[in-house]
Amino acid sequence: MKVFDQALNSGTIVSSKSNQFGTTVMRSVEIGNKGKINVGYFYEGANMSATPKVTTIIPQIY
């Protein structure tokens, strides 16, 4: 859960995509010098002030 909070609050935005259902924002957070994790957050109805749902988790190991 720490990784999700860290990515949401201080992660770097990698991409953002919108469709008729809402907006997905992909954020990246570094995990020391071992790699990073990309986390996708979905905002239903493109309501960016709502609590997002985690939709994607992509670990990347260096």
PDB file of N, CA and C in Angstrom:
ATOM      1  N   MET A   1       0.817  -1.190   0.000  1.00  0.00           N
ATOM      2  CA  MET A   1       0.000   0.000   0.000  1.00  0.00           C
ATOM      3  C   MET A   1       0.865   1.260   0.000  1.00  0.00           C
ATOM      4  N   LYS A   2       2.051   1.169   0.596  1.00  0.00           N
ATOM      5  CA  LYS A   2       2.947   2.328   0.614  1.00  0.00           C
ATOM      6  C   LYS A   2       3.315   2.778  -0.794  1.00  0.00           C
ATOM      7  N   VAL A   3       3.561   1.822  -1.668  1.00  0.00           N
ATOM      8  CA  VAL A   3       3.959   2.142  -3.040  1.00  0.00           C
ATOM      9  C   VAL A   3       2.844   2.897  -3.745  1.00  0.00           C
ATOM     10  N   PHE A   4       1.595   2.467  -3.544  1.00  0.00           N
ATOM     11  CA  PHE A   4       0.468   3.132  -4.195  1.00  0.00           C
ATOM     12  C   PHE A   4       0.314   4.564  -3.704  1.00  0.00           C
ATOM     13  N   ASP A   5       0.432   4.756  -2.387  1.00  0.00           N
ATOM     14  CA  ASP A   5       0.337   6.107  -1.822  1.00  0.00           C
ATOM     15  C   ASP A   5       1.483   6.981  -2.304  1.00  0.00           C
ATOM     16  N   GLN A   6       2.692   6.419  -2.317  1.00  0.00           N
ATOM     17  CA  GLN A   6       3.859   7.180  -2.758  1.00  0.00           C
ATOM     18  C   GLN A   6       3.727   7.577  -4.225  1.00  0.00           C
ATOM     19  N   ALA A   7       3.287   6.662  -5.061  1.00  0.00           N
ATOM     20  CA  ALA A   7       3.118   6.970  -6.486  1.00  0.00           C
ATOM     21  C   ALA A   7       2.044   8.029  -6.687  1.00  0.00           C
ATOM     22  N   LEU A   8       0.944   7.921  -5.953  1.00  0.00           N
ATOM     23  CA  LEU A   8      -0.158   8.870  -6.105  1.00  0.00           C
ATOM     24  C   LEU A   8       0.235  10.264  -5.642  1.00  0.00           C
ATOM     25  N   ASN A   9       0.954  10.348  -4.528  1.00  0.00           N
ATOM     26  CA  ASN A   9       1.273  11.646  -3.931  1.00  0.00           C
ATOM     27  C   ASN A   9       2.522  12.307  -4.491  1.00  0.00           C
ATOM     28  N   SER A  10       3.526  11.520  -4.873  1.00  0.00           N
ATOM     29  CA  SER A  10       4.774  12.144  -5.317  1.00  0.00           C
ATOM     30  C   SER A  10       5.369  11.500  -6.567  1.00  0.00           C
ATOM     31  N   GLY A  11       4.632  10.610  -7.197  1.00  0.00           N
ATOM     32  CA  GLY A  11       5.130   9.948  -8.402  1.00  0.00           C
ATOM     33  C   GLY A  11       5.154  10.877  -9.603  1.00  0.00           C
ATOM     34  N   THR A  12       6.047  10.580 -10.517  1.00  0.00           N
ATOM     35  CA  THR A  12       6.166  11.342 -11.760  1.00  0.00           C
ATOM     36  C   THR A  12       5.103  10.858 -12.742  1.00  0.00           C
ATOM     37  N   ILE A  13       4.366  11.785 -13.337  1.00  0.00           N
ATOM     38  CA  ILE A  13       3.351  11.410 -14.318  1.00  0.00           C
ATOM     39  C   ILE A  13       4.042  10.990 -15.614  1.00  0.00           C
ATOM     40  N   VAL A  14       3.770   9.761 -16.048  1.00  0.00           N
ATOM     41  CA  VAL A  14       4.371   9.202 -17.253  1.00  0.00           C
ATOM     42  C   VAL A  14       3.444   9.405 -18.454  1.00  0.00           C
ATOM     43  N   SER A  15       2.144   9.203 -18.243  1.00  0.00           N
ATOM     44  CA  SER A  15       1.182   9.381 -19.332  1.00  0.00           C
ATOM     45  C   SER A  15      -0.210   9.605 -18.764  1.00  0.00           C
ATOM     46  N   SER A  16      -1.084  10.073 -19.631  1.00  0.00           N
ATOM     47  CA  SER A  16      -2.482  10.298 -19.276  1.00  0.00           C
ATOM     48  C   SER A  16      -3.334  10.024 -20.511  1.00  0.00           C
ATOM     49  N   LYS A  17      -4.385   9.217 -20.334  1.00  0.00           N
ATOM     50  CA  LYS A  17      -5.273   8.882 -21.454  1.00  0.00           C
ATOM     51  C   LYS A  17      -6.719   9.004 -20.989  1.00  0.00           C
ATOM     52  N   SER A  18      -7.548   9.587 -21.837  1.00  0.00           N
ATOM     53  CA  SER A  18      -8.968   9.741 -21.526  1.00  0.00           C
ATOM     54  C   SER A  18      -9.816   9.032 -22.567  1.00  0.00           C
ATOM     55  N   ASN A  19     -10.970   8.524 -22.119  1.00  0.00           N
ATOM     56  CA  ASN A  19     -11.965   7.966 -23.029  1.00  0.00           C
ATOM     57  C   ASN A  19     -13.345   8.294 -22.468  1.00  0.00           C
ATOM     58  N   GLN A  20     -14.397   7.689 -23.015  1.00  0.00           N
ATOM     59  CA  GLN A  20     -15.746   8.030 -22.591  1.00  0.00           C
ATOM     60  C   GLN A  20     -16.055   7.594 -21.163  1.00  0.00           C
ATOM     61  N   PHE A  21     -15.230   6.729 -20.569  1.00  0.00           N
ATOM     62  CA  PHE A  21     -15.459   6.234 -19.218  1.00  0.00           C
ATOM     63  C   PHE A  21     -14.730   7.035 -18.147  1.00  0.00           C
ATOM     64  N   GLY A  22     -13.612   7.663 -18.511  1.00  0.00           N
ATOM     65  CA  GLY A  22     -12.836   8.421 -17.541  1.00  0.00           C
ATOM     66  C   GLY A  22     -11.412   8.635 -18.007  1.00  0.00           C
ATOM     67  N   THR A  23     -10.537   8.920 -17.054  1.00  0.00           N
ATOM     68  CA  THR A  23      -9.140   9.224 -17.350  1.00  0.00           C
ATOM     69  C   THR A  23      -8.224   8.292 -16.569  1.00  0.00           C
ATOM     70  N   THR A  24      -7.215   7.763 -17.246  1.00  0.00           N
ATOM     71  CA  THR A  24      -6.190   6.952 -16.598  1.00  0.00           C
ATOM     72  C   THR A  24      -4.886   7.735 -16.594  1.00  0.00           C
ATOM     73  N   VAL A  25      -4.293   7.850 -15.410  1.00  0.00           N
ATOM     74  CA  VAL A  25      -3.016   8.541 -15.253  1.00  0.00           C
ATOM     75  C   VAL A  25      -1.992   7.515 -14.790  1.00  0.00           C
ATOM     76  N   MET A  26      -0.894   7.383 -15.534  1.00  0.00           N
ATOM     77  CA  MET A  26       0.188   6.466 -15.179  1.00  0.00           C
ATOM     78  C   MET A  26       1.264   7.267 -14.461  1.00  0.00           C
ATOM     79  N   ARG A  27       1.612   6.823 -13.251  1.00  0.00           N
ATOM     80  CA  ARG A  27       2.648   7.489 -12.459  1.00  0.00           C
ATOM     81  C   ARG A  27       3.767   6.500 -12.163  1.00  0.00           C
ATOM     82  N   SER A  28       4.978   7.023 -12.028  1.00  0.00           N
ATOM     83  CA  SER A  28       6.152   6.196 -11.792  1.00  0.00           C
ATOM     84  C   SER A  28       6.814   6.603 -10.482  1.00  0.00           C
ATOM     85  N   VAL A  29       7.258   5.607  -9.721  1.00  0.00           N
ATOM     86  CA  VAL A  29       7.973   5.866  -8.473  1.00  0.00           C
ATOM     87  C   VAL A  29       9.216   4.976  -8.437  1.00  0.00           C
ATOM     88  N   GLU A  30      10.351   5.578  -8.094  1.00  0.00           N
ATOM     89  CA  GLU A  30      11.625   4.854  -7.990  1.00  0.00           C
ATOM     90  C   GLU A  30      11.649   4.037  -6.704  1.00  0.00           C
ATOM     91  N   ILE A  31      12.216   2.837  -6.779  1.00  0.00           N
ATOM     92  CA  ILE A  31      12.387   1.965  -5.618  1.00  0.00           C
ATOM     93  C   ILE A  31      13.885   1.834  -5.376  1.00  0.00           C
ATOM     94  N   GLY A  32      14.435   2.802  -4.662  1.00  0.00           N
ATOM     95  CA  GLY A  32      15.876   2.833  -4.422  1.00  0.00           C
ATOM     96  C   GLY A  32      16.629   2.838  -5.734  1.00  0.00           C
ATOM     97  N   ASN A  33      17.721   2.080  -5.806  1.00  0.00           N
ATOM     98  CA  ASN A  33      18.466   1.967  -7.062  1.00  0.00           C
ATOM     99  C   ASN A  33      18.181   0.625  -7.745  1.00  0.00           C
ATOM    100  N   LYS A  34      17.131  -0.055  -7.303  1.00  0.00           N
ATOM    101  CA  LYS A  34      16.800  -1.385  -7.821  1.00  0.00           C
ATOM    102  C   LYS A  34      15.822  -1.356  -8.983  1.00  0.00           C
ATOM    103  N   GLY A  35      15.091  -0.261  -9.144  1.00  0.00           N
ATOM    104  CA  GLY A  35      14.115  -0.199 -10.227  1.00  0.00           C
ATOM    105  C   GLY A  35      13.033   0.818  -9.945  1.00  0.00           C
ATOM    106  N   LYS A  36      11.924   0.638 -10.620  1.00  0.00           N
ATOM    107  CA  LYS A  36      10.789   1.531 -10.415  1.00  0.00           C
ATOM    108  C   LYS A  36       9.506   0.752 -10.645  1.00  0.00           C
ATOM    109  N   ILE A  37       8.416   1.340 -10.196  1.00  0.00           N
ATOM    110  CA  ILE A  37       7.102   0.753 -10.395  1.00  0.00           C
ATOM    111  C   ILE A  37       6.212   1.809 -11.020  1.00  0.00           C
ATOM    112  N   ASN A  38       5.571   1.443 -12.126  1.00  0.00           N
ATOM    113  CA  ASN A  38       4.578   2.307 -12.752  1.00  0.00           C
ATOM    114  C   ASN A  38       3.208   1.860 -12.256  1.00  0.00           C
ATOM    115  N   VAL A  39       2.416   2.822 -11.805  1.00  0.00           N
ATOM    116  CA  VAL A  39       1.084   2.531 -11.286  1.00  0.00           C
ATOM    117  C   VAL A  39       0.071   3.345 -12.069  1.00  0.00           C
ATOM    118  N   GLY A  40      -0.955   2.674 -12.590  1.00  0.00           N
ATOM    119  CA  GLY A  40      -2.020   3.354 -13.321  1.00  0.00           C
ATOM    120  C   GLY A  40      -3.204   3.605 -12.410  1.00  0.00           C
ATOM    121  N   TYR A  41      -3.700   4.831 -12.412  1.00  0.00           N
ATOM    122  CA  TYR A  41      -4.855   5.221 -11.608  1.00  0.00           C
ATOM    123  C   TYR A  41      -5.980   5.640 -12.536  1.00  0.00           C
ATOM    124  N   PHE A  42      -7.183   5.109 -12.294  1.00  0.00           N
ATOM    125  CA  PHE A  42      -8.341   5.437 -13.121  1.00  0.00           C
ATOM    126  C   PHE A  42      -9.272   6.368 -12.360  1.00  0.00           C
ATOM    127  N   TYR A  43      -9.601   7.494 -12.994  1.00  0.00           N
ATOM    128  CA  TYR A  43     -10.533   8.469 -12.443  1.00  0.00           C
ATOM    129  C   TYR A  43     -11.831   8.365 -13.235  1.00  0.00           C
ATOM    130  N   GLU A  44     -12.856   7.780 -12.628  1.00  0.00           N
ATOM    131  CA  GLU A  44     -14.127   7.564 -13.317  1.00  0.00           C
ATOM    132  C   GLU A  44     -14.786   8.892 -13.669  1.00  0.00           C
ATOM    133  N   GLY A  45     -15.267   8.991 -14.894  1.00  0.00           N
ATOM    134  CA  GLY A  45     -15.916  10.212 -15.356  1.00  0.00           C
ATOM    135  C   GLY A  45     -14.971  11.385 -15.476  1.00  0.00           C
ATOM    136  N   ALA A  46     -13.668  11.121 -15.490  1.00  0.00           N
ATOM    137  CA  ALA A  46     -12.626  12.157 -15.567  1.00  0.00           C
ATOM    138  C   ALA A  46     -12.688  13.126 -14.397  1.00  0.00           C
ATOM    139  N   ASN A  47     -13.230  12.671 -13.260  1.00  0.00           N
ATOM    140  CA  ASN A  47     -13.311  13.490 -12.052  1.00  0.00           C
ATOM    141  C   ASN A  47     -11.995  13.360 -11.290  1.00  0.00           C
ATOM    142  N   MET A  48     -11.083  14.288 -11.541  1.00  0.00           N
ATOM    143  CA  MET A  48      -9.736  14.208 -10.972  1.00  0.00           C
ATOM    144  C   MET A  48      -9.697  14.502  -9.467  1.00  0.00           C
ATOM    145  N   SER A  49     -10.800  14.972  -8.887  1.00  0.00           N
ATOM    146  CA  SER A  49     -10.829  15.214  -7.444  1.00  0.00           C
ATOM    147  C   SER A  49     -11.369  13.996  -6.687  1.00  0.00           C
ATOM    148  N   ALA A  50     -11.835  12.992  -7.407  1.00  0.00           N
ATOM    149  CA  ALA A  50     -12.334  11.762  -6.785  1.00  0.00           C
ATOM    150  C   ALA A  50     -11.166  10.857  -6.396  1.00  0.00           C
ATOM    151  N   THR A  51     -11.435   9.884  -5.550  1.00  0.00           N
ATOM    152  CA  THR A  51     -10.429   8.889  -5.194  1.00  0.00           C
ATOM    153  C   THR A  51     -10.270   7.931  -6.374  1.00  0.00           C
ATOM    154  N   PRO A  52      -9.045   7.798  -6.900  1.00  0.00           N
ATOM    155  CA  PRO A  52      -8.854   6.939  -8.076  1.00  0.00           C
ATOM    156  C   PRO A  52      -8.805   5.459  -7.701  1.00  0.00           C
ATOM    157  N   LYS A  53      -8.986   4.616  -8.710  1.00  0.00           N
ATOM    158  CA  LYS A  53      -8.846   3.172  -8.558  1.00  0.00           C
ATOM    159  C   LYS A  53      -7.535   2.755  -9.209  1.00  0.00           C
ATOM    160  N   VAL A  54      -6.796   1.872  -8.547  1.00  0.00           N
ATOM    161  CA  VAL A  54      -5.560   1.347  -9.125  1.00  0.00           C
ATOM    162  C   VAL A  54      -5.948   0.327 -10.190  1.00  0.00           C
ATOM    163  N   THR A  55      -5.455   0.525 -11.420  1.00  0.00           N
ATOM    164  CA  THR A  55      -5.816  -0.370 -12.518  1.00  0.00           C
ATOM    165  C   THR A  55      -4.634  -1.146 -13.084  1.00  0.00           C
ATOM    166  N   THR A  56      -3.427  -0.611 -12.939  1.00  0.00           N
ATOM    167  CA  THR A  56      -2.252  -1.230 -13.549  1.00  0.00           C
ATOM    168  C   THR A  56      -1.055  -1.108 -12.621  1.00  0.00           C
ATOM    169  N   ILE A  57      -0.268  -2.194 -12.531  1.00  0.00           N
ATOM    170  CA  ILE A  57       0.984  -2.177 -11.769  1.00  0.00           C
ATOM    171  C   ILE A  57       2.050  -2.801 -12.665  1.00  0.00           C
ATOM    172  N   ILE A  58       3.101  -2.033 -12.978  1.00  0.00           N
ATOM    173  CA  ILE A  58       4.168  -2.525 -13.852  1.00  0.00           C
ATOM    174  C   ILE A  58       5.513  -2.366 -13.134  1.00  0.00           C
ATOM    175  N   PRO A  59       6.078  -3.455 -12.600  1.00  0.00           N
ATOM    176  CA  PRO A  59       7.408  -3.364 -11.993  1.00  0.00           C
ATOM    177  C   PRO A  59       8.488  -3.375 -13.071  1.00  0.00           C
ATOM    178  N   GLN A  60       9.535  -2.587 -12.873  1.00  0.00           N
ATOM    179  CA  GLN A  60      10.683  -2.553 -13.781  1.00  0.00           C
ATOM    180  C   GLN A  60      11.944  -2.669 -12.940  1.00  0.00           C
ATOM    181  N   ILE A  61      12.725  -3.706 -13.216  1.00  0.00           N
ATOM    182  CA  ILE A  61      13.943  -3.971 -12.452  1.00  0.00           C
ATOM    183  C   ILE A  61      15.147  -3.558 -13.282  1.00  0.00           C
ATOM    184  N   TYR A  62      16.083  -2.833 -12.660  1.00  0.00           N
ATOM    185  CA  TYR A  62      17.299  -2.394 -13.361  1.00  0.00           C
ATOM    186  C   TYR A  62      18.369  -3.448 -13.242  1.00  0.00           C
TER     187      TYR A  62
END
